[in-house]
Amino acid sequence: MRRKLAAGNWKMNGTGASLAELADLGERHADPAVDILICPPATLLSRAAEAVQGGAIAIGAQDCHAEAAGAHTGDLSAAMLKDAGANAVILGHSERRADHGESDAQVRAKAEAAFAEDLIAVICLGETLEQREAGETLKIVGDQLAASVPDSATAANTVIAYEPVWAIGTGKVPTLEQIGEVHNFLRTELVHRFGAEIADGIRLLYGGSVKPGNAGEIFAVANVDGALVGGASLKAADFSPIIETLENA
């Protein structure tokens, strides 16, 4: 049985004062029935890890470099993230793919680097509005899945997050049928590639304008094992109801 996951991506938000939100979240969910992951900016990684030490919240990063070390000014390796207290890392987010031109091959290499440091790779997939309207959604996410996910992926080291680009931060959400179609497709593709035992254990998250008001119906869709939440994860008061909804899904 896959354990559900509520993941929060703080993106480029948060300073030291934001750590109070982690304390609040930890108090609200001292013994959660689902896994909770918060991915703050790199400047807060070590302090966030210290703040949640001994609690139920895991800390993740938002990106890593594919190389273990070297002349890569401004980048951070998976080993550095692990050393700072991270348990996971988000990879291939559409904002990284668009703003930094990241390719599927680069995402795959980063995932392999994460695996080498025993970090969970939360690998993001998703289509643009133009691709959706052209009827190319399944081809796009299928190609991304095939090229971005390493052959060494397992249920223990990999989480897949479907985030339609046009739904991120826009307030627009796909229909439940659209979400279900993509998640069922992804599960089938994973079975074909890795076999049922591995594929059935890999968690599939939905991301894109998830809020307390729509979380319940999204979590009721088959093969939705949780959510990757952006803005609504910045405040414990907003993220906590989503976690509670997932616990009761």
C-alpha atoms as a PDB file:
ATOM      1  CA  MET A   1       0.000   0.000   0.000  1.00  0.00           C
ATOM      2  CA  ARG A   2       1.480   3.315  -1.072  1.00  0.00           C
ATOM      3  CA  ARG A   3       1.832   5.807   1.788  1.00  0.00           C
ATOM      4  CA  LYS A   4       0.422   9.131   0.679  1.00  0.00           C
ATOM      5  CA  LEU A   5       2.601  12.216   0.460  1.00  0.00           C
ATOM      6  CA  ALA A   6       1.887  15.910   0.986  1.00  0.00           C
ATOM      7  CA  ALA A   7       4.829  17.875  -0.426  1.00  0.00           C
ATOM      8  CA  GLY A   8       5.262  21.626  -0.211  1.00  0.00           C
ATOM      9  CA  ASN A   9       7.450  23.590  -2.627  1.00  0.00           C
ATOM     10  CA  TRP A  10       8.252  27.010  -1.201  1.00  0.00           C
ATOM     11  CA  LYS A  11      10.019  28.062  -4.426  1.00  0.00           C
ATOM     12  CA  MET A  12      11.843  31.419  -4.053  1.00  0.00           C
ATOM     13  CA  ASN A  13      10.005  32.349  -0.878  1.00  0.00           C
ATOM     14  CA  GLY A  14      10.996  32.392   2.761  1.00  0.00           C
ATOM     15  CA  THR A  15      13.547  33.787   5.195  1.00  0.00           C
ATOM     16  CA  GLY A  16      14.535  32.730   8.683  1.00  0.00           C
ATOM     17  CA  ALA A  17      11.235  34.029   9.997  1.00  0.00           C
ATOM     18  CA  SER A  18       9.449  31.443   7.874  1.00  0.00           C
ATOM     19  CA  LEU A  19      10.815  28.633  10.031  1.00  0.00           C
ATOM     20  CA  ALA A  20       8.031  29.444  12.480  1.00  0.00           C
ATOM     21  CA  GLU A  21       5.649  27.944   9.935  1.00  0.00           C
ATOM     22  CA  LEU A  22       7.512  24.642  10.194  1.00  0.00           C
ATOM     23  CA  ALA A  23       7.152  24.682  13.970  1.00  0.00           C
ATOM     24  CA  ASP A  24       3.439  25.383  13.608  1.00  0.00           C
ATOM     25  CA  LEU A  25       3.034  22.607  11.030  1.00  0.00           C
ATOM     26  CA  GLY A  26       4.936  20.178  13.224  1.00  0.00           C
ATOM     27  CA  GLU A  27       2.662  20.902  16.167  1.00  0.00           C
ATOM     28  CA  ARG A  28      -0.428  20.408  14.048  1.00  0.00           C
ATOM     29  CA  HIS A  29       0.847  17.102  12.634  1.00  0.00           C
ATOM     30  CA  ALA A  30       2.982  15.434  15.277  1.00  0.00           C
ATOM     31  CA  ASP A  31       1.886  11.943  14.209  1.00  0.00           C
ATOM     32  CA  PRO A  32       0.507  12.225  10.674  1.00  0.00           C
ATOM     33  CA  ALA A  33      -1.060   9.379   8.735  1.00  0.00           C
ATOM     34  CA  VAL A  34       0.739  10.564   5.587  1.00  0.00           C
ATOM     35  CA  ASP A  35       4.286  11.628   4.770  1.00  0.00           C
ATOM     36  CA  ILE A  36       4.982  15.368   4.848  1.00  0.00           C
ATOM     37  CA  LEU A  37       7.789  16.977   2.858  1.00  0.00           C
ATOM     38  CA  ILE A  38       8.689  20.664   2.802  1.00  0.00           C
ATOM     39  CA  CYS A  39      11.147  21.999   0.217  1.00  0.00           C
ATOM     40  CA  PRO A  40      12.341  25.465   1.276  1.00  0.00           C
ATOM     41  CA  PRO A  41      14.918  27.575  -0.586  1.00  0.00           C
ATOM     42  CA  ALA A  42      18.520  26.412  -0.226  1.00  0.00           C
ATOM     43  CA  THR A  43      19.316  29.239   2.204  1.00  0.00           C
ATOM     44  CA  LEU A  44      16.988  27.625   4.742  1.00  0.00           C
ATOM     45  CA  LEU A  45      17.823  23.949   4.229  1.00  0.00           C
ATOM     46  CA  SER A  46      20.077  23.346   7.196  1.00  0.00           C
ATOM     47  CA  ARG A  47      18.025  25.504   9.568  1.00  0.00           C
ATOM     48  CA  ALA A  48      14.817  23.844   8.408  1.00  0.00           C
ATOM     49  CA  ALA A  49      16.318  20.392   8.970  1.00  0.00           C
ATOM     50  CA  GLU A  50      17.310  21.397  12.491  1.00  0.00           C
ATOM     51  CA  ALA A  51      13.879  22.887  13.141  1.00  0.00           C
ATOM     52  CA  VAL A  52      12.039  19.646  12.305  1.00  0.00           C
ATOM     53  CA  GLN A  53      14.579  17.259  13.835  1.00  0.00           C
ATOM     54  CA  GLY A  54      12.833  14.486  15.710  1.00  0.00           C
ATOM     55  CA  GLY A  55       9.477  15.324  14.146  1.00  0.00           C
ATOM     56  CA  ALA A  56       7.382  13.945  11.322  1.00  0.00           C
ATOM     57  CA  ILE A  57       8.292  16.517   8.663  1.00  0.00           C
ATOM     58  CA  ALA A  58      11.001  15.741   6.102  1.00  0.00           C
ATOM     59  CA  ILE A  59      12.988  18.464   4.343  1.00  0.00           C
ATOM     60  CA  GLY A  60      13.808  18.530   0.655  1.00  0.00           C
ATOM     61  CA  ALA A  61      15.607  20.768  -1.806  1.00  0.00           C
ATOM     62  CA  GLN A  62      14.331  22.317  -5.023  1.00  0.00           C
ATOM     63  CA  ASP A  63      17.134  21.327  -7.395  1.00  0.00           C
ATOM     64  CA  CYS A  64      20.620  19.838  -7.533  1.00  0.00           C
ATOM     65  CA  HIS A  65      23.536  19.653  -9.943  1.00  0.00           C
ATOM     66  CA  ALA A  66      24.261  16.394 -11.732  1.00  0.00           C
ATOM     67  CA  GLU A  67      27.945  16.474 -10.806  1.00  0.00           C
ATOM     68  CA  ALA A  68      29.237  15.571  -7.363  1.00  0.00           C
ATOM     69  CA  ALA A  69      31.604  18.583  -7.210  1.00  0.00           C
ATOM     70  CA  GLY A  70      33.484  21.001  -9.441  1.00  0.00           C
ATOM     71  CA  ALA A  71      33.591  24.442 -11.004  1.00  0.00           C
ATOM     72  CA  HIS A  72      29.860  25.129 -11.037  1.00  0.00           C
ATOM     73  CA  THR A  73      29.433  28.516  -9.399  1.00  0.00           C
ATOM     74  CA  GLY A  74      26.086  28.936  -7.698  1.00  0.00           C
ATOM     75  CA  ASP A  75      25.081  25.277  -7.979  1.00  0.00           C
ATOM     76  CA  LEU A  76      24.674  22.695  -5.235  1.00  0.00           C
ATOM     77  CA  SER A  77      25.435  18.988  -5.453  1.00  0.00           C
ATOM     78  CA  ALA A  78      23.246  16.219  -4.089  1.00  0.00           C
ATOM     79  CA  ALA A  79      25.932  15.500  -1.494  1.00  0.00           C
ATOM     80  CA  MET A  80      25.765  19.097  -0.278  1.00  0.00           C
ATOM     81  CA  LEU A  81      21.994  18.896   0.033  1.00  0.00           C
ATOM     82  CA  LYS A  82      22.264  15.651   1.963  1.00  0.00           C
ATOM     83  CA  ASP A  83      24.864  17.208   4.239  1.00  0.00           C
ATOM     84  CA  ALA A  84      22.521  20.147   4.875  1.00  0.00           C
ATOM     85  CA  GLY A  85      19.802  17.774   6.055  1.00  0.00           C
ATOM     86  CA  ALA A  86      17.735  17.166   2.924  1.00  0.00           C
ATOM     87  CA  ASN A  87      15.933  13.855   2.423  1.00  0.00           C
ATOM     88  CA  ALA A  88      14.623  14.596  -1.054  1.00  0.00           C
ATOM     89  CA  VAL A  89      14.967  16.952  -3.995  1.00  0.00           C
ATOM     90  CA  ILE A  90      12.491  18.277  -6.558  1.00  0.00           C
ATOM     91  CA  LEU A  91      13.792  17.824 -10.108  1.00  0.00           C
ATOM     92  CA  GLY A  92      12.522  18.883 -13.523  1.00  0.00           C
ATOM     93  CA  HIS A  93       9.947  21.357 -12.247  1.00  0.00           C
ATOM     94  CA  SER A  94       8.417  23.203 -15.187  1.00  0.00           C
ATOM     95  CA  GLU A  95       9.832  26.476 -13.882  1.00  0.00           C
ATOM     96  CA  ARG A  96      13.329  24.977 -14.042  1.00  0.00           C
ATOM     97  CA  ARG A  97      12.659  23.516 -17.471  1.00  0.00           C
ATOM     98  CA  ALA A  98      11.343  26.844 -18.778  1.00  0.00           C
ATOM     99  CA  ASP A  99      13.511  29.389 -16.942  1.00  0.00           C
ATOM    100  CA  HIS A 100      16.772  27.424 -17.133  1.00  0.00           C
ATOM    101  CA  GLY A 101      16.212  25.371 -20.277  1.00  0.00           C
ATOM    102  CA  GLU A 102      16.572  22.046 -18.491  1.00  0.00           C
ATOM    103  CA  SER A 103      16.207  19.015 -20.742  1.00  0.00           C
ATOM    104  CA  ASP A 104      14.884  15.580 -19.892  1.00  0.00           C
ATOM    105  CA  ALA A 105      18.447  14.276 -20.091  1.00  0.00           C
ATOM    106  CA  GLN A 106      19.625  16.815 -17.529  1.00  0.00           C
ATOM    107  CA  VAL A 107      16.756  15.945 -15.204  1.00  0.00           C
ATOM    108  CA  ARG A 108      17.634  12.260 -15.530  1.00  0.00           C
ATOM    109  CA  ALA A 109      21.290  12.939 -14.709  1.00  0.00           C
ATOM    110  CA  LYS A 110      20.270  14.961 -11.659  1.00  0.00           C
ATOM    111  CA  ALA A 111      17.998  12.143 -10.518  1.00  0.00           C
ATOM    112  CA  GLU A 112      20.864   9.688 -10.799  1.00  0.00           C
ATOM    113  CA  ALA A 113      22.996  12.044  -8.689  1.00  0.00           C
ATOM    114  CA  ALA A 114      20.213  12.216  -6.108  1.00  0.00           C
ATOM    115  CA  PHE A 115      19.951   8.421  -5.981  1.00  0.00           C
ATOM    116  CA  ALA A 116      23.698   8.175  -5.386  1.00  0.00           C
ATOM    117  CA  GLU A 117      23.254  10.215  -2.202  1.00  0.00           C
ATOM    118  CA  ASP A 118      20.153   8.341  -1.056  1.00  0.00           C
ATOM    119  CA  LEU A 119      17.904  11.305  -1.768  1.00  0.00           C
ATOM    120  CA  ILE A 120      14.356  10.805  -3.000  1.00  0.00           C
ATOM    121  CA  ALA A 121      13.904  12.391  -6.430  1.00  0.00           C
ATOM    122  CA  VAL A 122      10.550  14.104  -6.926  1.00  0.00           C
ATOM    123  CA  ILE A 123      10.526  14.216 -10.723  1.00  0.00           C
ATOM    124  CA  CYS A 124       8.075  16.657 -12.299  1.00  0.00           C
ATOM    125  CA  LEU A 125       6.235  16.244 -15.594  1.00  0.00           C
ATOM    126  CA  GLY A 126       3.626  18.374 -17.312  1.00  0.00           C
ATOM    127  CA  GLU A 127       2.310  19.877 -20.512  1.00  0.00           C
ATOM    128  CA  THR A 128       1.773  23.501 -21.546  1.00  0.00           C
ATOM    129  CA  LEU A 129      -1.647  24.894 -22.405  1.00  0.00           C
ATOM    130  CA  GLU A 130      -0.771  24.827 -26.090  1.00  0.00           C
ATOM    131  CA  GLN A 131       0.175  21.167 -25.864  1.00  0.00           C
ATOM    132  CA  ARG A 132      -3.016  20.375 -23.951  1.00  0.00           C
ATOM    133  CA  GLU A 133      -5.177  22.138 -26.532  1.00  0.00           C
ATOM    134  CA  ALA A 134      -3.355  20.308 -29.336  1.00  0.00           C
ATOM    135  CA  GLY A 135      -4.225  16.976 -27.766  1.00  0.00           C
ATOM    136  CA  GLU A 136      -0.575  16.160 -27.055  1.00  0.00           C
ATOM    137  CA  THR A 137      -0.754  15.770 -23.264  1.00  0.00           C
ATOM    138  CA  LEU A 138      -0.165  12.027 -23.011  1.00  0.00           C
ATOM    139  CA  LYS A 139       2.625  12.111 -25.579  1.00  0.00           C
ATOM    140  CA  ILE A 140       4.393  14.963 -23.770  1.00  0.00           C
ATOM    141  CA  VAL A 141       4.183  13.468 -20.292  1.00  0.00           C
ATOM    142  CA  GLY A 142       4.974  10.020 -21.651  1.00  0.00           C
ATOM    143  CA  ASP A 143       8.108  11.277 -23.369  1.00  0.00           C
ATOM    144  CA  GLN A 144       9.148  13.180 -20.233  1.00  0.00           C
ATOM    145  CA  LEU A 145       8.578  10.110 -18.075  1.00  0.00           C
ATOM    146  CA  ALA A 146      10.646   7.909 -20.374  1.00  0.00           C
ATOM    147  CA  ALA A 147      13.542  10.348 -20.695  1.00  0.00           C
ATOM    148  CA  SER A 148      13.626  11.958 -17.235  1.00  0.00           C
ATOM    149  CA  VAL A 149      13.318   8.900 -14.991  1.00  0.00           C
ATOM    150  CA  PRO A 150      16.458   6.736 -14.615  1.00  0.00           C
ATOM    151  CA  ASP A 151      16.385   2.972 -15.089  1.00  0.00           C
ATOM    152  CA  SER A 152      17.400   2.643 -11.441  1.00  0.00           C
ATOM    153  CA  ALA A 153      14.175   4.242 -10.208  1.00  0.00           C
ATOM    154  CA  THR A 154      12.364   2.395  -7.421  1.00  0.00           C
ATOM    155  CA  ALA A 155       9.422   3.027  -5.145  1.00  0.00           C
ATOM    156  CA  ALA A 156      11.881   4.003  -2.420  1.00  0.00           C
ATOM    157  CA  ASN A 157      13.849   6.616  -4.361  1.00  0.00           C
ATOM    158  CA  THR A 158      11.346   8.080  -6.827  1.00  0.00           C
ATOM    159  CA  VAL A 159       8.172  10.140  -6.699  1.00  0.00           C
ATOM    160  CA  ILE A 160       6.501  11.387  -9.883  1.00  0.00           C
ATOM    161  CA  ALA A 161       4.629  14.697  -9.819  1.00  0.00           C
ATOM    162  CA  TYR A 162       2.242  15.566 -12.635  1.00  0.00           C
ATOM    163  CA  GLU A 163       2.006  19.337 -12.842  1.00  0.00           C
ATOM    164  CA  PRO A 164       0.276  20.757 -15.906  1.00  0.00           C
ATOM    165  CA  VAL A 165       2.243  23.935 -16.618  1.00  0.00           C
ATOM    166  CA  TRP A 166      -0.904  25.938 -17.290  1.00  0.00           C
ATOM    167  CA  ALA A 167      -2.311  25.133 -13.835  1.00  0.00           C
ATOM    168  CA  ILE A 168       0.701  26.196 -11.747  1.00  0.00           C
ATOM    169  CA  GLY A 169      -0.072  29.366  -9.809  1.00  0.00           C
ATOM    170  CA  THR A 170      -2.919  30.297 -12.144  1.00  0.00           C
ATOM    171  CA  GLY A 171      -5.887  29.081 -10.143  1.00  0.00           C
ATOM    172  CA  LYS A 172      -6.841  26.901 -13.115  1.00  0.00           C
ATOM    173  CA  VAL A 173      -7.201  23.190 -12.392  1.00  0.00           C
ATOM    174  CA  PRO A 174      -7.725  20.353 -14.893  1.00  0.00           C
ATOM    175  CA  THR A 175     -10.976  18.476 -14.659  1.00  0.00           C
ATOM    176  CA  LEU A 176     -10.953  15.397 -12.457  1.00  0.00           C
ATOM    177  CA  GLU A 177     -11.272  13.322 -15.616  1.00  0.00           C
ATOM    178  CA  GLN A 178      -8.165  14.961 -17.083  1.00  0.00           C
ATOM    179  CA  ILE A 179      -6.168  14.372 -13.903  1.00  0.00           C
ATOM    180  CA  GLY A 180      -7.329  10.769 -13.769  1.00  0.00           C
ATOM    181  CA  GLU A 181      -6.468  10.154 -17.404  1.00  0.00           C
ATOM    182  CA  VAL A 182      -2.876  11.325 -16.939  1.00  0.00           C
ATOM    183  CA  HIS A 183      -2.309   9.531 -13.625  1.00  0.00           C
ATOM    184  CA  ASN A 184      -3.713   6.264 -14.949  1.00  0.00           C
ATOM    185  CA  PHE A 185      -1.554   6.639 -18.048  1.00  0.00           C
ATOM    186  CA  LEU A 186       1.558   7.261 -15.945  1.00  0.00           C
ATOM    187  CA  ARG A 187       0.860   4.202 -13.790  1.00  0.00           C
ATOM    188  CA  THR A 188       0.434   2.051 -16.890  1.00  0.00           C
ATOM    189  CA  GLU A 189       3.664   3.361 -18.401  1.00  0.00           C
ATOM    190  CA  LEU A 190       5.537   2.647 -15.179  1.00  0.00           C
ATOM    191  CA  VAL A 191       4.207  -0.910 -15.134  1.00  0.00           C
ATOM    192  CA  HIS A 192       5.334  -1.455 -18.712  1.00  0.00           C
ATOM    193  CA  ARG A 193       8.814  -0.173 -17.947  1.00  0.00           C
ATOM    194  CA  PHE A 194       9.538  -1.351 -14.408  1.00  0.00           C
ATOM    195  CA  GLY A 195       7.055  -4.134 -13.795  1.00  0.00           C
ATOM    196  CA  ALA A 196       4.039  -4.143 -11.524  1.00  0.00           C
ATOM    197  CA  GLU A 197       5.867  -4.547  -8.221  1.00  0.00           C
ATOM    198  CA  ILE A 198       8.010  -1.423  -8.604  1.00  0.00           C
ATOM    199  CA  ALA A 199       5.410   0.601 -10.502  1.00  0.00           C
ATOM    200  CA  ASP A 200       2.667  -0.042  -7.960  1.00  0.00           C
ATOM    201  CA  GLY A 201       4.866   1.407  -5.217  1.00  0.00           C
ATOM    202  CA  ILE A 202       5.887   4.640  -6.940  1.00  0.00           C
ATOM    203  CA  ARG A 203       3.807   7.532  -5.677  1.00  0.00           C
ATOM    204  CA  LEU A 204       2.122   9.829  -8.189  1.00  0.00           C
ATOM    205  CA  LEU A 205       1.436  13.365  -6.979  1.00  0.00           C
ATOM    206  CA  TYR A 206      -0.742  15.994  -8.580  1.00  0.00           C
ATOM    207  CA  GLY A 207       0.412  19.607  -8.524  1.00  0.00           C
ATOM    208  CA  GLY A 208      -1.102  22.821  -9.824  1.00  0.00           C
ATOM    209  CA  SER A 209      -3.283  25.243  -7.838  1.00  0.00           C
ATOM    210  CA  VAL A 210      -4.075  22.691  -5.103  1.00  0.00           C
ATOM    211  CA  LYS A 211      -5.941  24.382  -2.261  1.00  0.00           C
ATOM    212  CA  PRO A 212      -7.979  23.266   0.760  1.00  0.00           C
ATOM    213  CA  GLY A 213     -11.144  23.851  -1.234  1.00  0.00           C
ATOM    214  CA  ASN A 214     -10.328  21.476  -4.100  1.00  0.00           C
ATOM    215  CA  ALA A 215      -7.984  18.978  -2.431  1.00  0.00           C
ATOM    216  CA  GLY A 216     -10.674  16.508  -1.447  1.00  0.00           C
ATOM    217  CA  GLU A 217     -11.999  15.886  -4.924  1.00  0.00           C
ATOM    218  CA  ILE A 218      -8.491  15.687  -6.375  1.00  0.00           C
ATOM    219  CA  PHE A 219      -7.354  13.148  -3.773  1.00  0.00           C
ATOM    220  CA  ALA A 220     -10.402  11.006  -4.572  1.00  0.00           C
ATOM    221  CA  VAL A 221      -9.115  10.424  -8.115  1.00  0.00           C
ATOM    222  CA  ALA A 222      -7.568   7.006  -8.696  1.00  0.00           C
ATOM    223  CA  ASN A 223      -3.757   6.903  -8.701  1.00  0.00           C
ATOM    224  CA  VAL A 224      -3.436  10.311  -7.049  1.00  0.00           C
ATOM    225  CA  ASP A 225      -1.213   9.575  -4.054  1.00  0.00           C
ATOM    226  CA  GLY A 226      -0.893  13.117  -2.778  1.00  0.00           C
ATOM    227  CA  ALA A 227       0.061  16.567  -3.949  1.00  0.00           C
ATOM    228  CA  LEU A 228       2.993  18.836  -4.694  1.00  0.00           C
ATOM    229  CA  VAL A 229       1.734  22.161  -3.392  1.00  0.00           C
ATOM    230  CA  GLY A 230       3.185  25.588  -4.112  1.00  0.00           C
ATOM    231  CA  GLY A 231       1.747  28.764  -2.635  1.00  0.00           C
ATOM    232  CA  ALA A 232      -0.632  27.010  -0.262  1.00  0.00           C
ATOM    233  CA  SER A 233       2.309  25.326   1.484  1.00  0.00           C
ATOM    234  CA  LEU A 234       3.902  28.579   2.645  1.00  0.00           C
ATOM    235  CA  LYS A 235       1.617  28.929   5.656  1.00  0.00           C
ATOM    236  CA  ALA A 236       0.839  26.108   8.060  1.00  0.00           C
ATOM    237  CA  ALA A 237      -2.731  27.345   8.319  1.00  0.00           C
ATOM    238  CA  ASP A 238      -3.193  26.801   4.570  1.00  0.00           C
ATOM    239  CA  PHE A 239      -1.187  23.593   4.171  1.00  0.00           C
ATOM    240  CA  SER A 240      -2.547  21.817   7.235  1.00  0.00           C
ATOM    241  CA  PRO A 241      -6.111  21.418   5.868  1.00  0.00           C
ATOM    242  CA  ILE A 242      -4.670  19.887   2.691  1.00  0.00           C
ATOM    243  CA  ILE A 243      -2.705  17.397   4.784  1.00  0.00           C
ATOM    244  CA  GLU A 244      -5.791  16.572   6.833  1.00  0.00           C
ATOM    245  CA  THR A 245      -7.813  16.050   3.671  1.00  0.00           C
ATOM    246  CA  LEU A 246      -5.170  13.674   2.332  1.00  0.00           C
ATOM    247  CA  GLU A 247      -5.166  11.756   5.599  1.00  0.00           C
ATOM    248  CA  ASN A 248      -8.898  11.212   5.232  1.00  0.00           C
ATOM    249  CA  ALA A 249      -8.887  10.452   1.504  1.00  0.00           C
END
